C-alpha atoms as a PDB file:
ATOM      1  CA  MET A   1     215.610  56.606  49.288  1.00  0.00           C
ATOM      2  CA  SER A   2     212.929  57.539  46.774  1.00  0.00           C
ATOM      3  CA  LYS A   3     212.708  57.472  43.023  1.00  0.00           C
ATOM      4  CA  VAL A   4     211.834  60.814  41.421  1.00  0.00           C
ATOM      5  CA  VAL A   5     209.566  60.671  38.380  1.00  0.00           C
ATOM      6  CA  GLY A   6     207.954  63.451  36.368  1.00  0.00           C
ATOM      7  CA  ALA A   7     204.154  63.463  36.150  1.00  0.00           C
ATOM      8  CA  ALA A   8     204.137  62.773  32.396  1.00  0.00           C
ATOM      9  CA  GLU A   9     206.473  59.792  32.810  1.00  0.00           C
ATOM     10  CA  PHE A  10     204.428  58.532  35.766  1.00  0.00           C
ATOM     11  CA  LYS A  11     201.271  58.732  33.671  1.00  0.00           C
ATOM     12  CA  ALA A  12     202.877  56.763  30.852  1.00  0.00           C
ATOM     13  CA  LYS A  13     204.526  54.111  33.063  1.00  0.00           C
ATOM     14  CA  CYS A  14     202.202  54.021  36.060  1.00  0.00           C
ATOM     15  CA  LEU A  15     201.558  50.260  36.190  1.00  0.00           C
ATOM     16  CA  ASN A  16     205.226  49.380  35.655  1.00  0.00           C
ATOM     17  CA  LEU A  17     206.339  51.835  38.343  1.00  0.00           C
ATOM     18  CA  ILE A  18     203.816  50.376  40.795  1.00  0.00           C
ATOM     19  CA  ASP A  19     205.123  46.862  40.082  1.00  0.00           C
ATOM     20  CA  GLN A  20     208.717  48.048  40.634  1.00  0.00           C
ATOM     21  CA  MET A  21     207.688  49.713  43.901  1.00  0.00           C
ATOM     22  CA  ARG A  22     206.056  46.502  45.093  1.00  0.00           C
ATOM     23  CA  ASN A  23     209.286  44.592  44.365  1.00  0.00           C
ATOM     24  CA  ASP A  24     211.844  47.025  45.777  1.00  0.00           C
ATOM     25  CA  GLY A  25     209.715  48.776  48.446  1.00  0.00           C
ATOM     26  CA  GLU A  26     211.017  52.180  47.341  1.00  0.00           C
ATOM     27  CA  SER A  27     208.685  55.205  47.401  1.00  0.00           C
ATOM     28  CA  ILE A  28     208.135  57.294  44.278  1.00  0.00           C
ATOM     29  CA  VAL A  29     208.133  61.105  44.354  1.00  0.00           C
ATOM     30  CA  ILE A  30     206.042  62.505  41.508  1.00  0.00           C
ATOM     31  CA  THR A  31     207.074  65.936  40.268  1.00  0.00           C
ATOM     32  CA  LYS A  32     205.491  68.536  38.046  1.00  0.00           C
ATOM     33  CA  ARG A  33     207.834  71.101  36.497  1.00  0.00           C
ATOM     34  CA  GLY A  34     210.578  69.845  38.814  1.00  0.00           C
ATOM     35  CA  LYS A  35     208.618  70.376  42.046  1.00  0.00           C
ATOM     36  CA  PRO A  36     207.332  67.460  44.144  1.00  0.00           C
ATOM     37  CA  VAL A  37     203.535  67.191  44.072  1.00  0.00           C
ATOM     38  CA  ALA A  38     202.898  63.682  45.424  1.00  0.00           C
ATOM     39  CA  VAL A  39     204.559  60.699  47.053  1.00  0.00           C
ATOM     40  CA  LEU A  40     203.496  57.152  46.276  1.00  0.00           C
ATOM     41  CA  SER A  41     204.490  54.699  49.006  1.00  0.00           C
ATOM     42  CA  PRO A  42     204.105  50.936  49.241  1.00  0.00           C
ATOM     43  CA  ALA A  43     201.145  49.730  51.277  1.00  0.00           C
ATOM     44  CA  ARG A  44     201.802  47.914  54.534  1.00  0.00           C
ATOM     45  CA  ALA A  45     201.708  44.149  54.302  1.00  0.00           C
ATOM     46  CA  ALA A  46     198.324  42.517  54.892  1.00  0.00           C
ATOM     47  CA  GLY A  47     199.787  40.875  57.998  1.00  0.00           C
ATOM     48  CA  GLY A  48     200.457  44.308  59.499  1.00  0.00           C
ATOM     49  CA  ARG A  49     199.008  45.179  62.880  1.00  0.00           C
ATOM     50  CA  THR A  50     195.429  46.389  62.853  1.00  0.00           C
ATOM     51  CA  SER A  51     194.713  45.777  66.530  1.00  0.00           C
ATOM     52  CA  ILE A  52     196.024  47.594  69.575  1.00  0.00           C
ATOM     53  CA  ILE A  53     196.371  44.310  71.450  1.00  0.00           C
ATOM     54  CA  GLY A  54     200.040  43.589  72.020  1.00  0.00           C
ATOM     55  CA  VAL A  55     201.298  47.025  71.002  1.00  0.00           C
ATOM     56  CA  MET A  56     202.817  47.671  74.453  1.00  0.00           C
ATOM     57  CA  LYS A  57     204.399  44.191  74.693  1.00  0.00           C
ATOM     58  CA  GLY A  58     207.870  44.403  76.206  1.00  0.00           C
ATOM     59  CA  SER A  59     207.464  47.990  77.406  1.00  0.00           C
ATOM     60  CA  VAL A  60     207.013  47.241  81.138  1.00  0.00           C
ATOM     61  CA  LEU A  61     210.264  48.060  82.903  1.00  0.00           C
ATOM     62  CA  ARG A  62     209.291  46.954  86.391  1.00  0.00           C
ATOM     63  CA  TYR A  63     206.590  44.624  87.695  1.00  0.00           C
ATOM     64  CA  ASP A  64     206.493  44.267  91.485  1.00  0.00           C
ATOM     65  CA  ASP A  65     202.979  43.568  92.720  1.00  0.00           C
ATOM     66  CA  PRO A  66     200.097  44.515  90.425  1.00  0.00           C
ATOM     67  CA  LEU A  67     197.533  44.206  93.229  1.00  0.00           C
ATOM     68  CA  SER A  68     199.196  46.606  95.648  1.00  0.00           C
ATOM     69  CA  PRO A  69     198.075  50.271  95.646  1.00  0.00           C
ATOM     70  CA  ALA A  70     200.101  52.731  93.588  1.00  0.00           C
ATOM     71  CA  VAL A  71     200.461  55.071  96.603  1.00  0.00           C
ATOM     72  CA  GLU A  72     200.289  54.588 100.346  1.00  0.00           C
ATOM     73  CA  THR A  73     196.857  54.917 101.977  1.00  0.00           C
ATOM     74  CA  GLU A  74     198.055  57.907 104.035  1.00  0.00           C
ATOM     75  CA  ASP A  75     198.689  59.861 100.828  1.00  0.00           C
ATOM     76  CA  TRP A  76     195.092  59.650  99.572  1.00  0.00           C
ATOM     77  CA  ASP A  77     193.317  63.009  99.776  1.00  0.00           C
ATOM     78  CA  ALA A  78     189.914  61.268  99.735  1.00  0.00           C
ATOM     79  CA  LEU A  79     190.516  59.815 103.211  1.00  0.00           C
ATOM     80  CA  ARG A  80     190.933  63.224 104.845  1.00  0.00           C
END
């Protein structure tokens, strides 16, 4: 859910609206003449992920033998 605020109101109450957004985590849609022109969203927490390490954790469905070849040797075109 997002709050909808006119541009003039946003200009007048900008700092208060940003503080409210920080507290409730709700985005703000800024409109001009009733039409949306911008969306202000809360920033991700500083503890958010910035590294790709660990992103795939828990995604492996099957783990038999990591050292065995993916296909049989007879199926390799390079050996023919």
